[in-house]
Amino acid sequence: MVNIKKGSPLIGVEGEMDCIYLQMHNVPAIRTGKFLSKEMIRIITGYTDNFVYSMDGDVPFVNSNPKKTKDSIKSQKKYLSKFMNVGLIELPGEKDPNDLSSKEVEKYYGKYINEKYFK
């Protein structure tokens, strides 16, 4: 794994392969799974002030079940925004980050691609 410098923005992705693939393209990605635990939020907020969700295309950004509104990325983004700057990258269709071509990685993650984020 690549060591990412403290203070760099972090891109939260669902799976290990997504994380490895994006790091191969110099994107400061970490694996978070679909939802962040309180412990992960504590660690992330102690590491950076900028976090960006980039989930697989099949992850619900808005939950259609009104009784489970917390079970969506947008609601997690709203909660996490209390502690830090939070962004959201929605990929097209049902694509995962590791399905993207190098050109698509640059399109969606271009402003985060930078070797200065790595030790």
PDB file of N, CA and C in Angstrom:
ATOM      1  N   MET A   1       0.827  -1.188   0.000  1.00  0.00           N
ATOM      2  CA  MET A   1       0.000   0.000   0.000  1.00  0.00           C
ATOM      3  C   MET A   1       0.875   1.256   0.000  1.00  0.00           C
ATOM      4  N   VAL A   2       0.322   2.301  -0.527  1.00  0.00           N
ATOM      5  CA  VAL A   2       1.000   3.585  -0.592  1.00  0.00           C
ATOM      6  C   VAL A   2       0.703   4.349   0.693  1.00  0.00           C
ATOM      7  N   ASN A   3       1.723   4.996   1.249  1.00  0.00           N
ATOM      8  CA  ASN A   3       1.526   5.848   2.422  1.00  0.00           C
ATOM      9  C   ASN A   3       1.078   7.222   1.955  1.00  0.00           C
ATOM     10  N   ILE A   4      -0.039   7.678   2.484  1.00  0.00           N
ATOM     11  CA  ILE A   4      -0.586   8.981   2.115  1.00  0.00           C
ATOM     12  C   ILE A   4      -0.244   9.964   3.224  1.00  0.00           C
ATOM     13  N   LYS A   5       0.214  11.153   2.849  1.00  0.00           N
ATOM     14  CA  LYS A   5       0.631  12.152   3.827  1.00  0.00           C
ATOM     15  C   LYS A   5      -0.537  12.671   4.650  1.00  0.00           C
ATOM     16  N   LYS A   6      -0.275  12.871   5.928  1.00  0.00           N
ATOM     17  CA  LYS A   6      -1.274  13.473   6.813  1.00  0.00           C
ATOM     18  C   LYS A   6      -1.630  14.865   6.297  1.00  0.00           C
ATOM     19  N   GLY A   7      -2.916  15.172   6.304  1.00  0.00           N
ATOM     20  CA  GLY A   7      -3.391  16.463   5.828  1.00  0.00           C
ATOM     21  C   GLY A   7      -3.841  16.456   4.378  1.00  0.00           C
ATOM     22  N   SER A   8      -3.491  15.401   3.640  1.00  0.00           N
ATOM     23  CA  SER A   8      -3.930  15.341   2.243  1.00  0.00           C
ATOM     24  C   SER A   8      -5.427  15.045   2.205  1.00  0.00           C
ATOM     25  N   PRO A   9      -6.096  15.404   1.118  1.00  0.00           N
ATOM     26  CA  PRO A   9      -7.497  15.004   0.999  1.00  0.00           C
ATOM     27  C   PRO A   9      -7.541  13.484   0.894  1.00  0.00           C
ATOM     28  N   LEU A  10      -8.626  12.901   1.360  1.00  0.00           N
ATOM     29  CA  LEU A  10      -8.786  11.456   1.257  1.00  0.00           C
ATOM     30  C   LEU A  10     -10.025  11.139   0.439  1.00  0.00           C
ATOM     31  N   ILE A  11      -9.902  10.153  -0.443  1.00  0.00           N
ATOM     32  CA  ILE A  11     -11.016   9.682  -1.250  1.00  0.00           C
ATOM     33  C   ILE A  11     -11.449   8.348  -0.652  1.00  0.00           C
ATOM     34  N   GLY A  12     -12.662   8.280  -0.120  1.00  0.00           N
ATOM     35  CA  GLY A  12     -13.180   7.051   0.472  1.00  0.00           C
ATOM     36  C   GLY A  12     -13.855   6.194  -0.576  1.00  0.00           C
ATOM     37  N   VAL A  13     -13.345   4.973  -0.767  1.00  0.00           N
ATOM     38  CA  VAL A  13     -13.919   4.041  -1.737  1.00  0.00           C
ATOM     39  C   VAL A  13     -14.392   2.783  -1.016  1.00  0.00           C
ATOM     40  N   GLU A  14     -15.238   2.027  -1.700  1.00  0.00           N
ATOM     41  CA  GLU A  14     -15.869   0.871  -1.058  1.00  0.00           C
ATOM     42  C   GLU A  14     -14.926  -0.306  -0.842  1.00  0.00           C
ATOM     43  N   GLY A  15     -14.187  -0.707  -1.860  1.00  0.00           N
ATOM     44  CA  GLY A  15     -13.416  -1.944  -1.760  1.00  0.00           C
ATOM     45  C   GLY A  15     -11.917  -1.774  -1.864  1.00  0.00           C
ATOM     46  N   GLU A  16     -11.199  -2.845  -1.479  1.00  0.00           N
ATOM     47  CA  GLU A  16      -9.745  -2.828  -1.532  1.00  0.00           C
ATOM     48  C   GLU A  16      -9.226  -2.643  -2.953  1.00  0.00           C
ATOM     49  N   MET A  17      -9.836  -3.316  -3.927  1.00  0.00           N
ATOM     50  CA  MET A  17      -9.360  -3.211  -5.304  1.00  0.00           C
ATOM     51  C   MET A  17      -9.567  -1.796  -5.843  1.00  0.00           C
ATOM     52  N   ASP A  18     -10.671  -1.150  -5.464  1.00  0.00           N
ATOM     53  CA  ASP A  18     -10.894   0.249  -5.858  1.00  0.00           C
ATOM     54  C   ASP A  18      -9.768   1.124  -5.307  1.00  0.00           C
ATOM     55  N   CYS A  19      -9.434   0.902  -4.048  1.00  0.00           N
ATOM     56  CA  CYS A  19      -8.397   1.685  -3.376  1.00  0.00           C
ATOM     57  C   CYS A  19      -7.050   1.480  -4.060  1.00  0.00           C
ATOM     58  N   ILE A  20      -6.669   0.246  -4.283  1.00  0.00           N
ATOM     59  CA  ILE A  20      -5.380  -0.053  -4.912  1.00  0.00           C
ATOM     60  C   ILE A  20      -5.315   0.540  -6.314  1.00  0.00           C
ATOM     61  N   TYR A  21      -6.391   0.376  -7.075  1.00  0.00           N
ATOM     62  CA  TYR A  21      -6.415   0.882  -8.452  1.00  0.00           C
ATOM     63  C   TYR A  21      -6.246   2.404  -8.480  1.00  0.00           C
ATOM     64  N   LEU A  22      -6.972   3.106  -7.623  1.00  0.00           N
ATOM     65  CA  LEU A  22      -6.854   4.566  -7.597  1.00  0.00           C
ATOM     66  C   LEU A  22      -5.478   5.005  -7.108  1.00  0.00           C
ATOM     67  N   GLN A  23      -4.920   4.316  -6.099  1.00  0.00           N
ATOM     68  CA  GLN A  23      -3.583   4.664  -5.638  1.00  0.00           C
ATOM     69  C   GLN A  23      -2.547   4.447  -6.735  1.00  0.00           C
ATOM     70  N   MET A  24      -2.763   3.462  -7.602  1.00  0.00           N
ATOM     71  CA  MET A  24      -1.862   3.248  -8.740  1.00  0.00           C
ATOM     72  C   MET A  24      -1.882   4.447  -9.681  1.00  0.00           C
ATOM     73  N   HIS A  25      -2.976   5.220  -9.648  1.00  0.00           N
ATOM     74  CA  HIS A  25      -3.108   6.434 -10.459  1.00  0.00           C
ATOM     75  C   HIS A  25      -2.829   7.692  -9.635  1.00  0.00           C
ATOM     76  N   ASN A  26      -2.154   7.520  -8.497  1.00  0.00           N
ATOM     77  CA  ASN A  26      -1.789   8.630  -7.605  1.00  0.00           C
ATOM     78  C   ASN A  26      -2.978   9.408  -7.069  1.00  0.00           C
ATOM     79  N   VAL A  27      -4.054   8.698  -6.782  1.00  0.00           N
ATOM     80  CA  VAL A  27      -5.223   9.280  -6.124  1.00  0.00           C
ATOM     81  C   VAL A  27      -5.146   8.848  -4.655  1.00  0.00           C
ATOM     82  N   PRO A  28      -5.217   9.783  -3.690  1.00  0.00           N
ATOM     83  CA  PRO A  28      -5.095   9.433  -2.277  1.00  0.00           C
ATOM     84  C   PRO A  28      -6.367   8.747  -1.749  1.00  0.00           C
ATOM     85  N   ALA A  29      -6.510   7.479  -2.107  1.00  0.00           N
ATOM     86  CA  ALA A  29      -7.721   6.723  -1.777  1.00  0.00           C
ATOM     87  C   ALA A  29      -7.514   5.840  -0.547  1.00  0.00           C
ATOM     88  N   ILE A  30      -8.592   5.695   0.228  1.00  0.00           N
ATOM     89  CA  ILE A  30      -8.615   4.761   1.356  1.00  0.00           C
ATOM     90  C   ILE A  30      -9.879   3.928   1.254  1.00  0.00           C
ATOM     91  N   ARG A  31      -9.836   2.712   1.765  1.00  0.00           N
ATOM     92  CA  ARG A  31     -11.021   1.854   1.763  1.00  0.00           C
ATOM     93  C   ARG A  31     -11.852   2.149   2.994  1.00  0.00           C
ATOM     94  N   THR A  32     -13.108   2.498   2.783  1.00  0.00           N
ATOM     95  CA  THR A  32     -14.000   2.792   3.906  1.00  0.00           C
ATOM     96  C   THR A  32     -15.180   1.840   3.976  1.00  0.00           C
ATOM     97  N   GLY A  33     -15.412   1.052   2.922  1.00  0.00           N
ATOM     98  CA  GLY A  33     -16.652   0.298   2.864  1.00  0.00           C
ATOM     99  C   GLY A  33     -17.760   1.257   2.471  1.00  0.00           C
ATOM    100  N   LYS A  34     -19.003   0.802   2.560  1.00  0.00           N
ATOM    101  CA  LYS A  34     -20.124   1.659   2.155  1.00  0.00           C
ATOM    102  C   LYS A  34     -20.417   2.753   3.161  1.00  0.00           C
ATOM    103  N   PHE A  35     -20.249   2.446   4.439  1.00  0.00           N
ATOM    104  CA  PHE A  35     -20.611   3.415   5.467  1.00  0.00           C
ATOM    105  C   PHE A  35     -19.506   3.534   6.506  1.00  0.00           C
ATOM    106  N   LEU A  36     -19.316   4.733   6.992  1.00  0.00           N
ATOM    107  CA  LEU A  36     -18.260   4.996   7.968  1.00  0.00           C
ATOM    108  C   LEU A  36     -18.748   4.748   9.390  1.00  0.00           C
ATOM    109  N   SER A  37     -17.932   4.052  10.154  1.00  0.00           N
ATOM    110  CA  SER A  37     -18.233   3.873  11.574  1.00  0.00           C
ATOM    111  C   SER A  37     -17.773   5.119  12.324  1.00  0.00           C
ATOM    112  N   LYS A  38     -18.205   5.254  13.575  1.00  0.00           N
ATOM    113  CA  LYS A  38     -17.762   6.390  14.388  1.00  0.00           C
ATOM    114  C   LYS A  38     -16.252   6.366  14.573  1.00  0.00           C
ATOM    115  N   GLU A  39     -15.682   5.180  14.695  1.00  0.00           N
ATOM    116  CA  GLU A  39     -14.233   5.058  14.850  1.00  0.00           C
ATOM    117  C   GLU A  39     -13.507   5.523  13.580  1.00  0.00           C
ATOM    118  N   MET A  40     -14.019   5.151  12.411  1.00  0.00           N
ATOM    119  CA  MET A  40     -13.398   5.602  11.159  1.00  0.00           C
ATOM    120  C   MET A  40     -13.503   7.120  11.021  1.00  0.00           C
ATOM    121  N   ILE A  41     -14.642   7.680  11.394  1.00  0.00           N
ATOM    122  CA  ILE A  41     -14.807   9.135  11.338  1.00  0.00           C
ATOM    123  C   ILE A  41     -13.795   9.808  12.254  1.00  0.00           C
ATOM    124  N   ARG A  42     -13.587   9.268  13.448  1.00  0.00           N
ATOM    125  CA  ARG A  42     -12.608   9.824  14.388  1.00  0.00           C
ATOM    126  C   ARG A  42     -11.210   9.788  13.776  1.00  0.00           C
ATOM    127  N   ILE A  43     -10.848   8.680  13.159  1.00  0.00           N
ATOM    128  CA  ILE A  43      -9.517   8.553  12.555  1.00  0.00           C
ATOM    129  C   ILE A  43      -9.363   9.514  11.376  1.00  0.00           C
ATOM    130  N   ILE A  44     -10.369   9.563  10.504  1.00  0.00           N
ATOM    131  CA  ILE A  44     -10.294  10.422   9.320  1.00  0.00           C
ATOM    132  C   ILE A  44     -10.212  11.895   9.712  1.00  0.00           C
ATOM    133  N   THR A  45     -11.042  12.322  10.674  1.00  0.00           N
ATOM    134  CA  THR A  45     -11.018  13.735  11.074  1.00  0.00           C
ATOM    135  C   THR A  45      -9.709  14.099  11.767  1.00  0.00           C
ATOM    136  N   GLY A  46      -9.026  13.138  12.354  1.00  0.00           N
ATOM    137  CA  GLY A  46      -7.716  13.391  12.940  1.00  0.00           C
ATOM    138  C   GLY A  46      -6.612  13.407  11.898  1.00  0.00           C
ATOM    139  N   TYR A  47      -6.929  13.019  10.698  1.00  0.00           N
ATOM    140  CA  TYR A  47      -5.933  12.896   9.633  1.00  0.00           C
ATOM    141  C   TYR A  47      -6.021  14.008   8.597  1.00  0.00           C
ATOM    142  N   THR A  48      -7.254  14.459   8.287  1.00  0.00           N
ATOM    143  CA  THR A  48      -7.443  15.446   7.235  1.00  0.00           C
ATOM    144  C   THR A  48      -8.697  16.272   7.488  1.00  0.00           C
ATOM    145  N   ASP A  49      -8.801  17.388   6.790  1.00  0.00           N
ATOM    146  CA  ASP A  49     -10.010  18.220   6.846  1.00  0.00           C
ATOM    147  C   ASP A  49     -10.848  18.070   5.587  1.00  0.00           C
ATOM    148  N   ASN A  50     -10.378  17.248   4.630  1.00  0.00           N
ATOM    149  CA  ASN A  50     -11.067  17.099   3.347  1.00  0.00           C
ATOM    150  C   ASN A  50     -11.259  15.628   3.002  1.00  0.00           C
ATOM    151  N   PHE A  51     -12.516  15.228   2.905  1.00  0.00           N
ATOM    152  CA  PHE A  51     -12.857  13.844   2.601  1.00  0.00           C
ATOM    153  C   PHE A  51     -13.839  13.835   1.439  1.00  0.00           C
ATOM    154  N   VAL A  52     -13.660  12.888   0.531  1.00  0.00           N
ATOM    155  CA  VAL A  52     -14.538  12.781  -0.630  1.00  0.00           C
ATOM    156  C   VAL A  52     -15.033  11.344  -0.737  1.00  0.00           C
ATOM    157  N   TYR A  53     -16.361  11.181  -0.749  1.00  0.00           N
ATOM    158  CA  TYR A  53     -16.948   9.863  -0.992  1.00  0.00           C
ATOM    159  C   TYR A  53     -16.878   9.566  -2.482  1.00  0.00           C
ATOM    160  N   SER A  54     -16.468   8.361  -2.823  1.00  0.00           N
ATOM    161  CA  SER A  54     -16.505   7.898  -4.203  1.00  0.00           C
ATOM    162  C   SER A  54     -16.887   6.426  -4.177  1.00  0.00           C
ATOM    163  N   MET A  55     -18.157   6.179  -4.101  1.00  0.00           N
ATOM    164  CA  MET A  55     -18.640   4.813  -3.976  1.00  0.00           C
ATOM    165  C   MET A  55     -18.911   4.181  -5.339  1.00  0.00           C
ATOM    166  N   ASP A  56     -19.061   2.873  -5.325  1.00  0.00           N
ATOM    167  CA  ASP A  56     -19.414   2.146  -6.540  1.00  0.00           C
ATOM    168  C   ASP A  56     -20.750   2.639  -7.062  1.00  0.00           C
ATOM    169  N   GLY A  57     -20.982   2.468  -8.351  1.00  0.00           N
ATOM    170  CA  GLY A  57     -22.212   2.939  -8.974  1.00  0.00           C
ATOM    171  C   GLY A  57     -23.478   2.310  -8.431  1.00  0.00           C
ATOM    172  N   ASP A  58     -23.363   1.147  -7.765  1.00  0.00           N
ATOM    173  CA  ASP A  58     -24.561   0.478  -7.241  1.00  0.00           C
ATOM    174  C   ASP A  58     -24.870   0.848  -5.789  1.00  0.00           C
ATOM    175  N   VAL A  59     -24.083   1.733  -5.181  1.00  0.00           N
ATOM    176  CA  VAL A  59     -24.322   2.151  -3.792  1.00  0.00           C
ATOM    177  C   VAL A  59     -25.392   3.239  -3.786  1.00  0.00           C
ATOM    178  N   PRO A  60     -26.383   3.126  -2.889  1.00  0.00           N
ATOM    179  CA  PRO A  60     -27.448   4.142  -2.862  1.00  0.00           C
ATOM    180  C   PRO A  60     -26.963   5.487  -2.347  1.00  0.00           C
ATOM    181  N   PHE A  61     -27.055   6.501  -3.201  1.00  0.00           N
ATOM    182  CA  PHE A  61     -26.725   7.848  -2.748  1.00  0.00           C
ATOM    183  C   PHE A  61     -27.918   8.462  -2.043  1.00  0.00           C
ATOM    184  N   VAL A  62     -29.107   8.046  -2.433  1.00  0.00           N
ATOM    185  CA  VAL A  62     -30.327   8.472  -1.765  1.00  0.00           C
ATOM    186  C   VAL A  62     -31.145   7.217  -1.522  1.00  0.00           C
ATOM    187  N   ASN A  63     -31.518   6.981  -0.268  1.00  0.00           N
ATOM    188  CA  ASN A  63     -32.283   5.787   0.056  1.00  0.00           C
ATOM    189  C   ASN A  63     -33.759   6.054  -0.188  1.00  0.00           C
ATOM    190  N   SER A  64     -34.412   5.140  -0.873  1.00  0.00           N
ATOM    191  CA  SER A  64     -35.831   5.315  -1.181  1.00  0.00           C
ATOM    192  C   SER A  64     -36.735   4.952  -0.007  1.00  0.00           C
ATOM    193  N   ASN A  65     -36.162   4.383   1.050  1.00  0.00           N
ATOM    194  CA  ASN A  65     -36.945   4.006   2.212  1.00  0.00           C
ATOM    195  C   ASN A  65     -36.902   5.147   3.235  1.00  0.00           C
ATOM    196  N   PRO A  66     -38.015   5.902   3.410  1.00  0.00           N
ATOM    197  CA  PRO A  66     -38.007   7.054   4.321  1.00  0.00           C
ATOM    198  C   PRO A  66     -37.727   6.686   5.770  1.00  0.00           C
ATOM    199  N   LYS A  67     -37.915   5.412   6.150  1.00  0.00           N
ATOM    200  CA  LYS A  67     -37.638   5.000   7.525  1.00  0.00           C
ATOM    201  C   LYS A  67     -36.147   4.765   7.756  1.00  0.00           C
ATOM    202  N   LYS A  68     -35.372   4.694   6.683  1.00  0.00           N
ATOM    203  CA  LYS A  68     -33.937   4.448   6.802  1.00  0.00           C
ATOM    204  C   LYS A  68     -33.143   5.530   6.086  1.00  0.00           C
ATOM    205  N   THR A  69     -33.485   6.778   6.335  1.00  0.00           N
ATOM    206  CA  THR A  69     -32.820   7.872   5.627  1.00  0.00           C
ATOM    207  C   THR A  69     -31.335   7.949   5.942  1.00  0.00           C
ATOM    208  N   LYS A  70     -30.899   7.438   7.091  1.00  0.00           N
ATOM    209  CA  LYS A  70     -29.474   7.479   7.413  1.00  0.00           C
ATOM    210  C   LYS A  70     -28.668   6.491   6.576  1.00  0.00           C
ATOM    211  N   ASP A  71     -29.344   5.548   5.935  1.00  0.00           N
ATOM    212  CA  ASP A  71     -28.649   4.542   5.141  1.00  0.00           C
ATOM    213  C   ASP A  71     -28.429   4.996   3.706  1.00  0.00           C
ATOM    214  N   SER A  72     -27.868   6.166   3.535  1.00  0.00           N
ATOM    215  CA  SER A  72     -27.509   6.645   2.211  1.00  0.00           C
ATOM    216  C   SER A  72     -26.233   7.456   2.318  1.00  0.00           C
ATOM    217  N   ILE A  73     -25.520   7.549   1.217  1.00  0.00           N
ATOM    218  CA  ILE A  73     -24.269   8.304   1.217  1.00  0.00           C
ATOM    219  C   ILE A  73     -24.529   9.784   1.471  1.00  0.00           C
ATOM    220  N   LYS A  74     -25.593  10.328   0.899  1.00  0.00           N
ATOM    221  CA  LYS A  74     -25.863  11.758   1.091  1.00  0.00           C
ATOM    222  C   LYS A  74     -26.135  12.084   2.556  1.00  0.00           C
ATOM    223  N   SER A  75     -26.810  11.194   3.271  1.00  0.00           N
ATOM    224  CA  SER A  75     -27.054  11.472   4.688  1.00  0.00           C
ATOM    225  C   SER A  75     -25.760  11.342   5.482  1.00  0.00           C
ATOM    226  N   GLN A  76     -24.904  10.390   5.111  1.00  0.00           N
ATOM    227  CA  GLN A  76     -23.602  10.286   5.782  1.00  0.00           C
ATOM    228  C   GLN A  76     -22.751  11.522   5.493  1.00  0.00           C
ATOM    229  N   LYS A  77     -22.824  12.005   4.248  1.00  0.00           N
ATOM    230  CA  LYS A  77     -22.082  13.213   3.878  1.00  0.00           C
ATOM    231  C   LYS A  77     -22.535  14.380   4.747  1.00  0.00           C
ATOM    232  N   LYS A  78     -23.840  14.509   4.935  1.00  0.00           N
ATOM    233  CA  LYS A  78     -24.383  15.596   5.752  1.00  0.00           C
ATOM    234  C   LYS A  78     -23.876  15.495   7.186  1.00  0.00           C
ATOM    235  N   TYR A  79     -23.863  14.285   7.740  1.00  0.00           N
ATOM    236  CA  TYR A  79     -23.379  14.083   9.102  1.00  0.00           C
ATOM    237  C   TYR A  79     -21.887  14.409   9.203  1.00  0.00           C
ATOM    238  N   LEU A  80     -21.087  13.889   8.273  1.00  0.00           N
ATOM    239  CA  LEU A  80     -19.648  14.084   8.304  1.00  0.00           C
ATOM    240  C   LEU A  80     -19.279  15.555   8.088  1.00  0.00           C
ATOM    241  N   SER A  81     -20.135  16.287   7.393  1.00  0.00           N
ATOM    242  CA  SER A  81     -19.888  17.712   7.120  1.00  0.00           C
ATOM    243  C   SER A  81     -19.845  18.546   8.401  1.00  0.00           C
ATOM    244  N   LYS A  82     -20.345  17.997   9.496  1.00  0.00           N
ATOM    245  CA  LYS A  82     -20.261  18.687  10.786  1.00  0.00           C
ATOM    246  C   LYS A  82     -18.811  18.786  11.256  1.00  0.00           C
ATOM    247  N   PHE A  83     -17.973  17.865  10.767  1.00  0.00           N
ATOM    248  CA  PHE A  83     -16.602  17.760  11.247  1.00  0.00           C
ATOM    249  C   PHE A  83     -15.543  18.208  10.243  1.00  0.00           C
ATOM    250  N   MET A  84     -15.883  18.212   8.938  1.00  0.00           N
ATOM    251  CA  MET A  84     -14.885  18.495   7.908  1.00  0.00           C
ATOM    252  C   MET A  84     -15.551  18.828   6.582  1.00  0.00           C
ATOM    253  N   ASN A  85     -14.746  19.221   5.599  1.00  0.00           N
ATOM    254  CA  ASN A  85     -15.248  19.434   4.237  1.00  0.00           C
ATOM    255  C   ASN A  85     -15.452  18.073   3.587  1.00  0.00           C
ATOM    256  N   VAL A  86     -16.620  17.868   3.004  1.00  0.00           N
ATOM    257  CA  VAL A  86     -16.930  16.571   2.416  1.00  0.00           C
ATOM    258  C   VAL A  86     -17.434  16.761   0.991  1.00  0.00           C
ATOM    259  N   GLY A  87     -16.854  16.000   0.084  1.00  0.00           N
ATOM    260  CA  GLY A  87     -17.283  16.016  -1.309  1.00  0.00           C
ATOM    261  C   GLY A  87     -17.904  14.689  -1.691  1.00  0.00           C
ATOM    262  N   LEU A  88     -18.396  14.634  -2.909  1.00  0.00           N
ATOM    263  CA  LEU A  88     -19.062  13.429  -3.385  1.00  0.00           C
ATOM    264  C   LEU A  88     -18.786  13.280  -4.875  1.00  0.00           C
ATOM    265  N   ILE A  89     -18.265  12.125  -5.261  1.00  0.00           N
ATOM    266  CA  ILE A  89     -18.056  11.811  -6.662  1.00  0.00           C
ATOM    267  C   ILE A  89     -19.004  10.676  -7.017  1.00  0.00           C
ATOM    268  N   GLU A  90     -19.943  10.951  -7.911  1.00  0.00           N
ATOM    269  CA  GLU A  90     -20.879   9.926  -8.363  1.00  0.00           C
ATOM    270  C   GLU A  90     -20.403   9.419  -9.716  1.00  0.00           C
ATOM    271  N   LEU A  91     -20.087   8.146  -9.775  1.00  0.00           N
ATOM    272  CA  LEU A  91     -19.617   7.538 -11.015  1.00  0.00           C
ATOM    273  C   LEU A  91     -20.797   7.175 -11.905  1.00  0.00           C
ATOM    274  N   PRO A  92     -20.565   7.101 -13.217  1.00  0.00           N
ATOM    275  CA  PRO A  92     -21.663   6.808 -14.145  1.00  0.00           C
ATOM    276  C   PRO A  92     -22.139   5.354 -14.056  1.00  0.00           C
ATOM    277  N   GLY A  93     -23.435   5.177 -14.241  1.00  0.00           N
ATOM    278  CA  GLY A  93     -23.999   3.825 -14.304  1.00  0.00           C
ATOM    279  C   GLY A  93     -23.674   2.995 -13.092  1.00  0.00           C
ATOM    280  N   GLU A  94     -23.255   1.782 -13.327  1.00  0.00           N
ATOM    281  CA  GLU A  94     -22.921   0.869 -12.237  1.00  0.00           C
ATOM    282  C   GLU A  94     -21.423   0.640 -12.157  1.00  0.00           C
ATOM    283  N   LYS A  95     -20.641   1.623 -12.575  1.00  0.00           N
ATOM    284  CA  LYS A  95     -19.182   1.479 -12.583  1.00  0.00           C
ATOM    285  C   LYS A  95     -18.607   1.580 -11.183  1.00  0.00           C
ATOM    286  N   ASP A  96     -17.561   0.794 -10.960  1.00  0.00           N
ATOM    287  CA  ASP A  96     -16.744   0.890  -9.763  1.00  0.00           C
ATOM    288  C   ASP A  96     -15.518   1.717 -10.125  1.00  0.00           C
ATOM    289  N   PRO A  97     -14.835   2.325  -9.144  1.00  0.00           N
ATOM    290  CA  PRO A  97     -13.622   3.065  -9.483  1.00  0.00           C
ATOM    291  C   PRO A  97     -12.611   2.235 -10.281  1.00  0.00           C
ATOM    292  N   ASN A  98     -12.491   0.933  -9.934  1.00  0.00           N
ATOM    293  CA  ASN A  98     -11.501   0.123 -10.644  1.00  0.00           C
ATOM    294  C   ASN A  98     -11.976  -0.331 -12.030  1.00  0.00           C
ATOM    295  N   ASP A  99     -13.171   0.067 -12.460  1.00  0.00           N
ATOM    296  CA  ASP A  99     -13.654  -0.187 -13.823  1.00  0.00           C
ATOM    297  C   ASP A  99     -13.269   0.950 -14.768  1.00  0.00           C
ATOM    298  N   LEU A 100     -12.797   2.052 -14.218  1.00  0.00           N
ATOM    299  CA  LEU A 100     -12.538   3.249 -15.016  1.00  0.00           C
ATOM    300  C   LEU A 100     -11.228   3.134 -15.801  1.00  0.00           C
ATOM    301  N   SER A 101     -11.228   3.698 -16.995  1.00  0.00           N
ATOM    302  CA  SER A 101      -9.990   3.798 -17.764  1.00  0.00           C
ATOM    303  C   SER A 101      -9.131   4.897 -17.133  1.00  0.00           C
ATOM    304  N   SER A 102      -7.875   4.961 -17.530  1.00  0.00           N
ATOM    305  CA  SER A 102      -6.987   6.015 -17.007  1.00  0.00           C
ATOM    306  C   SER A 102      -7.543   7.398 -17.309  1.00  0.00           C
ATOM    307  N   LYS A 103      -8.131   7.548 -18.482  1.00  0.00           N
ATOM    308  CA  LYS A 103      -8.721   8.836 -18.871  1.00  0.00           C
ATOM    309  C   LYS A 103      -9.913   9.180 -17.970  1.00  0.00           C
ATOM    310  N   GLU A 104     -10.738   8.162 -17.658  1.00  0.00           N
ATOM    311  CA  GLU A 104     -11.891   8.389 -16.771  1.00  0.00           C
ATOM    312  C   GLU A 104     -11.440   8.699 -15.345  1.00  0.00           C
ATOM    313  N   VAL A 105     -10.370   8.036 -14.882  1.00  0.00           N
ATOM    314  CA  VAL A 105      -9.831   8.344 -13.551  1.00  0.00           C
ATOM    315  C   VAL A 105      -9.440   9.810 -13.505  1.00  0.00           C
ATOM    316  N   GLU A 106      -8.775  10.272 -14.554  1.00  0.00           N
ATOM    317  CA  GLU A 106      -8.381  11.683 -14.593  1.00  0.00           C
ATOM    318  C   GLU A 106      -9.593  12.605 -14.617  1.00  0.00           C
ATOM    319  N   LYS A 107     -10.637  12.204 -15.343  1.00  0.00           N
ATOM    320  CA  LYS A 107     -11.852  13.024 -15.425  1.00  0.00           C
ATOM    321  C   LYS A 107     -12.526  13.166 -14.061  1.00  0.00           C
ATOM    322  N   TYR A 108     -12.702  12.057 -13.348  1.00  0.00           N
ATOM    323  CA  TYR A 108     -13.438  12.085 -12.087  1.00  0.00           C
ATOM    324  C   TYR A 108     -12.588  12.476 -10.881  1.00  0.00           C
ATOM    325  N   TYR A 109     -11.294  12.155 -10.922  1.00  0.00           N
ATOM    326  CA  TYR A 109     -10.433  12.377  -9.756  1.00  0.00           C
ATOM    327  C   TYR A 109      -9.304  13.358 -10.037  1.00  0.00           C
ATOM    328  N   GLY A 110      -9.325  14.005 -11.190  1.00  0.00           N
ATOM    329  CA  GLY A 110      -8.216  14.846 -11.642  1.00  0.00           C
ATOM    330  C   GLY A 110      -7.696  15.827 -10.634  1.00  0.00           C
ATOM    331  N   LYS A 111      -8.573  16.490  -9.907  1.00  0.00           N
ATOM    332  CA  LYS A 111      -8.082  17.501  -8.970  1.00  0.00           C
ATOM    333  C   LYS A 111      -7.433  16.889  -7.731  1.00  0.00           C
ATOM    334  N   TYR A 112      -7.557  15.570  -7.558  1.00  0.00           N
ATOM    335  CA  TYR A 112      -6.927  14.894  -6.427  1.00  0.00           C
ATOM    336  C   TYR A 112      -5.688  14.100  -6.839  1.00  0.00           C
ATOM    337  N   ILE A 113      -5.408  14.013  -8.132  1.00  0.00           N
ATOM    338  CA  ILE A 113      -4.248  13.262  -8.606  1.00  0.00           C
ATOM    339  C   ILE A 113      -3.020  14.139  -8.451  1.00  0.00           C
ATOM    340  N   ASN A 114      -2.130  13.702  -7.553  1.00  0.00           N
ATOM    341  CA  ASN A 114      -0.943  14.487  -7.331  1.00  0.00           C
ATOM    342  C   ASN A 114       0.012  13.683  -6.449  1.00  0.00           C
ATOM    343  N   GLU A 115       1.215  13.500  -6.897  1.00  0.00           N
ATOM    344  CA  GLU A 115       2.169  12.714  -6.135  1.00  0.00           C
ATOM    345  C   GLU A 115       2.570  13.377  -4.816  1.00  0.00           C
ATOM    346  N   LYS A 116       2.295  14.671  -4.655  1.00  0.00           N
ATOM    347  CA  LYS A 116       2.664  15.355  -3.405  1.00  0.00           C
ATOM    348  C   LYS A 116       1.888  14.790  -2.206  1.00  0.00           C
ATOM    349  N   TYR A 117       0.788  14.083  -2.469  1.00  0.00           N
ATOM    350  CA  TYR A 117       0.009  13.505  -1.371  1.00  0.00           C
ATOM    351  C   TYR A 117       0.634  12.230  -0.809  1.00  0.00           C
ATOM    352  N   PHE A 118       1.633  11.708  -1.495  1.00  0.00           N
ATOM    353  CA  PHE A 118       2.230  10.451  -1.073  1.00  0.00           C
ATOM    354  C   PHE A 118       3.604  10.673  -0.474  1.00  0.00           C
ATOM    355  N   LYS A 119       3.941   9.879   0.531  1.00  0.00           N
ATOM    356  CA  LYS A 119       5.268   9.970   1.186  1.00  0.00           C
ATOM    357  C   LYS A 119       6.316   9.356   0.286  1.00  0.00           C
TER     358      LYS A 119
END
